[in-house]
C-alpha atoms as a PDB file:
ATOM      1  CA  MET A   1      -9.848  -3.258 -20.671  1.00  0.00           C
ATOM      2  CA  PRO A   2      -6.066  -3.354 -20.977  1.00  0.00           C
ATOM      3  CA  THR A   3      -3.962  -0.339 -21.848  1.00  0.00           C
ATOM      4  CA  ILE A   4      -1.652  -0.950 -24.812  1.00  0.00           C
ATOM      5  CA  ILE A   5       1.557   1.072 -25.134  1.00  0.00           C
ATOM      6  CA  GLU A   6       3.507   0.740 -28.367  1.00  0.00           C
ATOM      7  CA  ILE A   7       7.253   1.427 -28.236  1.00  0.00           C
ATOM      8  CA  PRO A   8       8.521   1.586 -31.841  1.00  0.00           C
ATOM      9  CA  THR A   9      12.128   2.491 -30.912  1.00  0.00           C
ATOM     10  CA  LEU A  10      14.240   3.183 -27.833  1.00  0.00           C
ATOM     11  CA  HIS A  11      13.747   6.900 -28.529  1.00  0.00           C
ATOM     12  CA  ALA A  12      10.051   6.438 -27.721  1.00  0.00           C
ATOM     13  CA  LEU A  13      10.809   4.948 -24.305  1.00  0.00           C
ATOM     14  CA  PRO A  14      10.443   8.183 -22.262  1.00  0.00           C
ATOM     15  CA  ALA A  15       6.965   8.836 -23.699  1.00  0.00           C
ATOM     16  CA  ALA A  16       6.007   5.201 -23.127  1.00  0.00           C
ATOM     17  CA  ALA A  17       7.200   5.458 -19.513  1.00  0.00           C
ATOM     18  CA  GLN A  18       4.964   8.488 -19.007  1.00  0.00           C
ATOM     19  CA  GLN A  19       2.032   6.505 -20.414  1.00  0.00           C
ATOM     20  CA  LEU A  20       2.841   3.648 -18.051  1.00  0.00           C
ATOM     21  CA  GLN A  21       3.094   6.072 -15.128  1.00  0.00           C
ATOM     22  CA  ALA A  22      -0.345   7.479 -16.023  1.00  0.00           C
ATOM     23  CA  ALA A  23      -1.824   3.961 -16.244  1.00  0.00           C
ATOM     24  CA  ILE A  24      -0.394   3.009 -12.842  1.00  0.00           C
ATOM     25  CA  GLU A  25      -1.662   6.228 -11.257  1.00  0.00           C
ATOM     26  CA  ALA A  26      -5.116   5.803 -12.827  1.00  0.00           C
ATOM     27  CA  GLU A  27      -5.418   2.305 -11.382  1.00  0.00           C
ATOM     28  CA  GLN A  28      -4.107   3.407  -7.954  1.00  0.00           C
ATOM     29  CA  CYS A  29      -2.542  -0.008  -7.534  1.00  0.00           C
ATOM     30  CA  PRO A  30       0.988  -0.072  -6.076  1.00  0.00           C
ATOM     31  CA  ILE A  31       1.769  -3.705  -6.977  1.00  0.00           C
ATOM     32  CA  VAL A  32       3.080  -3.864 -10.546  1.00  0.00           C
ATOM     33  CA  LEU A  33       4.131  -7.220 -11.979  1.00  0.00           C
ATOM     34  CA  LEU A  34       6.374  -7.150 -15.045  1.00  0.00           C
ATOM     35  CA  GLU A  35       6.294 -10.215 -17.267  1.00  0.00           C
ATOM     36  CA  GLY A  36       8.231 -10.825 -20.451  1.00  0.00           C
ATOM     37  CA  GLU A  37      10.887 -13.081 -21.840  1.00  0.00           C
ATOM     38  CA  MET A  38      14.528 -12.690 -20.863  1.00  0.00           C
ATOM     39  CA  GLY A  39      15.873  -9.612 -22.637  1.00  0.00           C
ATOM     40  CA  ALA A  40      12.430  -8.160 -23.408  1.00  0.00           C
ATOM     41  CA  GLY A  41      13.346  -4.917 -21.650  1.00  0.00           C
ATOM     42  CA  LYS A  42      11.621  -5.119 -18.283  1.00  0.00           C
ATOM     43  CA  THR A  43      14.489  -3.457 -16.426  1.00  0.00           C
ATOM     44  CA  THR A  44      14.904  -0.871 -19.193  1.00  0.00           C
ATOM     45  CA  LEU A  45      11.213  -0.021 -18.905  1.00  0.00           C
ATOM     46  CA  ILE A  46      11.512   0.218 -15.105  1.00  0.00           C
ATOM     47  CA  ARG A  47      14.522   2.523 -15.496  1.00  0.00           C
ATOM     48  CA  ALA A  48      12.509   4.827 -17.789  1.00  0.00           C
ATOM     49  CA  LEU A  49       9.471   4.687 -15.470  1.00  0.00           C
ATOM     50  CA  CYS A  50      11.604   5.595 -12.454  1.00  0.00           C
ATOM     51  CA  LYS A  51      13.052   8.544 -14.349  1.00  0.00           C
ATOM     52  CA  ALA A  52       9.494   9.692 -15.158  1.00  0.00           C
ATOM     53  CA  LEU A  53       8.685   9.383 -11.435  1.00  0.00           C
ATOM     54  CA  GLY A  54      11.604  11.657 -10.536  1.00  0.00           C
ATOM     55  CA  VAL A  55      14.114   9.061  -9.327  1.00  0.00           C
ATOM     56  CA  HIS A  56      17.655  10.446  -9.413  1.00  0.00           C
ATOM     57  CA  ASP A  57      19.433   7.272  -8.292  1.00  0.00           C
ATOM     58  CA  GLU A  58      20.906   4.796 -10.731  1.00  0.00           C
ATOM     59  CA  VAL A  59      18.237   2.207 -11.504  1.00  0.00           C
ATOM     60  CA  SER A  60      19.599  -1.274 -12.095  1.00  0.00           C
ATOM     61  CA  SER A  61      18.358  -4.809 -11.835  1.00  0.00           C
ATOM     62  CA  PRO A  62      18.461  -6.161  -8.274  1.00  0.00           C
ATOM     63  CA  THR A  63      19.221  -9.632  -9.612  1.00  0.00           C
ATOM     64  CA  PHE A  64      21.494 -10.613  -6.729  1.00  0.00           C
ATOM     65  CA  SER A  65      20.191  -8.374  -3.940  1.00  0.00           C
ATOM     66  CA  LEU A  66      16.568  -9.217  -4.916  1.00  0.00           C
ATOM     67  CA  VAL A  67      15.331  -5.700  -4.074  1.00  0.00           C
ATOM     68  CA  ASN A  68      16.512  -2.142  -4.693  1.00  0.00           C
ATOM     69  CA  GLU A  69      14.956   0.920  -3.123  1.00  0.00           C
ATOM     70  CA  TYR A  70      14.730   4.261  -4.914  1.00  0.00           C
ATOM     71  CA  ARG A  71      13.091   7.562  -3.959  1.00  0.00           C
ATOM     72  CA  ASP A  72      10.651   9.377  -6.225  1.00  0.00           C
ATOM     73  CA  SER A  73      10.209  13.143  -6.595  1.00  0.00           C
ATOM     74  CA  ARG A  74       8.039  13.202  -3.420  1.00  0.00           C
ATOM     75  CA  ASN A  75      10.716  11.237  -1.504  1.00  0.00           C
ATOM     76  CA  HIS A  76       8.456   8.169  -1.379  1.00  0.00           C
ATOM     77  CA  PRO A  77      10.118   4.777  -1.722  1.00  0.00           C
ATOM     78  CA  ILE A  78       9.849   2.687  -4.865  1.00  0.00           C
ATOM     79  CA  TYR A  79      10.763  -0.965  -4.439  1.00  0.00           C
ATOM     80  CA  HIS A  80      12.217  -2.824  -7.429  1.00  0.00           C
ATOM     81  CA  PHE A  81      12.326  -6.607  -7.183  1.00  0.00           C
ATOM     82  CA  ASP A  82      13.949  -9.129  -9.500  1.00  0.00           C
ATOM     83  CA  PHE A  83      13.061 -12.668  -8.483  1.00  0.00           C
ATOM     84  CA  TYR A  84      14.755 -14.400 -11.420  1.00  0.00           C
ATOM     85  CA  ARG A  85      17.477 -15.968  -9.261  1.00  0.00           C
ATOM     86  CA  ILE A  86      15.397 -16.620  -6.162  1.00  0.00           C
ATOM     87  CA  ASP A  87      15.611 -20.169  -4.863  1.00  0.00           C
ATOM     88  CA  SER A  88      12.271 -20.374  -3.073  1.00  0.00           C
ATOM     89  CA  VAL A  89       9.236 -18.476  -1.851  1.00  0.00           C
ATOM     90  CA  GLU A  90      10.728 -18.851   1.638  1.00  0.00           C
ATOM     91  CA  GLU A  91      13.772 -16.845   0.533  1.00  0.00           C
ATOM     92  CA  ALA A  92      11.462 -14.004  -0.513  1.00  0.00           C
ATOM     93  CA  GLU A  93       9.725 -14.270   2.855  1.00  0.00           C
ATOM     94  CA  ARG A  94      13.095 -13.982   4.624  1.00  0.00           C
ATOM     95  CA  ILE A  95      13.895 -10.677   2.879  1.00  0.00           C
ATOM     96  CA  GLY A  96      10.491  -9.366   4.000  1.00  0.00           C
ATOM     97  CA  ALA A  97       8.827  -9.301   0.582  1.00  0.00           C
ATOM     98  CA  GLN A  98       5.368  -9.434   2.147  1.00  0.00           C
ATOM     99  CA  GLU A  99       6.064  -6.300   4.206  1.00  0.00           C
ATOM    100  CA  TYR A 100       7.219  -4.454   1.086  1.00  0.00           C
ATOM    101  CA  PHE A 101       4.096  -5.571  -0.809  1.00  0.00           C
ATOM    102  CA  ASP A 102       1.861  -4.456   2.071  1.00  0.00           C
ATOM    103  CA  SER A 103       3.599  -1.061   2.453  1.00  0.00           C
ATOM    104  CA  GLY A 104       1.304   0.801   0.070  1.00  0.00           C
ATOM    105  CA  TYR A 105       4.328   2.058  -1.861  1.00  0.00           C
ATOM    106  CA  LEU A 106       5.056   1.258  -5.479  1.00  0.00           C
ATOM    107  CA  CYS A 107       6.497  -2.245  -5.917  1.00  0.00           C
ATOM    108  CA  LEU A 108       7.872  -3.078  -9.371  1.00  0.00           C
ATOM    109  CA  ILE A 109       8.303  -6.838  -9.564  1.00  0.00           C
ATOM    110  CA  GLU A 110      10.231  -8.702 -12.262  1.00  0.00           C
ATOM    111  CA  TRP A 111       9.709 -12.481 -12.516  1.00  0.00           C
ATOM    112  CA  PRO A 112       6.692 -12.376 -10.152  1.00  0.00           C
ATOM    113  CA  SER A 113       5.597 -15.942 -10.886  1.00  0.00           C
ATOM    114  CA  ARG A 114       8.528 -17.162  -8.770  1.00  0.00           C
ATOM    115  CA  VAL A 115       6.851 -15.713  -5.651  1.00  0.00           C
ATOM    116  CA  GLY A 116       3.228 -16.154  -6.700  1.00  0.00           C
ATOM    117  CA  PRO A 117       1.886 -17.241  -3.284  1.00  0.00           C
ATOM    118  CA  LEU A 118       3.161 -14.004  -1.695  1.00  0.00           C
ATOM    119  CA  LEU A 119       1.639 -11.597  -4.213  1.00  0.00           C
ATOM    120  CA  PRO A 120      -1.413  -9.544  -3.268  1.00  0.00           C
ATOM    121  CA  SER A 121      -4.579 -10.505  -5.134  1.00  0.00           C
ATOM    122  CA  ASP A 122      -5.065  -6.961  -6.446  1.00  0.00           C
ATOM    123  CA  ARG A 123      -2.261  -6.016  -8.815  1.00  0.00           C
ATOM    124  CA  LEU A 124      -1.330  -4.646 -12.222  1.00  0.00           C
ATOM    125  CA  LEU A 125       0.155  -6.965 -14.787  1.00  0.00           C
ATOM    126  CA  VAL A 126       2.521  -5.289 -17.248  1.00  0.00           C
ATOM    127  CA  THR A 127       3.444  -7.620 -20.099  1.00  0.00           C
ATOM    128  CA  VAL A 128       6.393  -6.641 -22.297  1.00  0.00           C
ATOM    129  CA  GLU A 129       6.294  -8.283 -25.729  1.00  0.00           C
ATOM    130  CA  VAL A 130       9.198  -8.117 -28.184  1.00  0.00           C
ATOM    131  CA  THR A 131       7.863  -7.040 -31.590  1.00  0.00           C
ATOM    132  CA  GLY A 132      11.151  -6.162 -33.308  1.00  0.00           C
ATOM    133  CA  PRO A 133      14.843  -5.379 -32.679  1.00  0.00           C
ATOM    134  CA  GLU A 134      13.968  -2.190 -30.734  1.00  0.00           C
ATOM    135  CA  SER A 135      10.172  -2.292 -30.703  1.00  0.00           C
ATOM    136  CA  ARG A 136       7.988  -3.529 -27.872  1.00  0.00           C
ATOM    137  CA  ARG A 137       4.302  -3.749 -27.074  1.00  0.00           C
ATOM    138  CA  VAL A 138       3.432  -3.195 -23.439  1.00  0.00           C
ATOM    139  CA  GLN A 139       0.074  -4.263 -22.081  1.00  0.00           C
ATOM    140  CA  VAL A 140      -1.146  -3.026 -18.701  1.00  0.00           C
ATOM    141  CA  GLN A 141      -4.068  -4.833 -17.091  1.00  0.00           C
ATOM    142  CA  ARG A 142      -5.547  -4.953 -13.590  1.00  0.00           C
ATOM    143  CA  GLU A 143      -5.720  -8.421 -12.089  1.00  0.00           C
ATOM    144  CA  MET A 144      -7.829  -9.530  -9.174  1.00  0.00           C
ATOM    145  CA  THR A 145      -7.178 -13.110  -8.168  1.00  0.00           C
END
């Protein structure tokens, strides 16, 4: 059964990030796919989640670098991917995406459909739906393909 997280305003984002963190930890699944239309707030949600996880680095979209690495409060890596501008699955292979996905560490993946063949079959799908100017509905669901 999916977890639903309502975000009525940007002020509710930290609490929503803590709920998302709890859902990810409960599922014990390090591969997290973030889906949502352009501008839905995927990167903003990742930024809030990373803060909840104890990341002190600046969290920004890796649109051109494809992947950013952060460290959580336990000094474990968190990998943040943005595949929006990727040209091919082969390009993702060249940056070692498969090795990141197989690392066992948290991988937060924006625009995952662009690298579908590389994604592990066991993953969490986080769908961000725009419900108003500042409000969002986030659905978290385990997928096994």
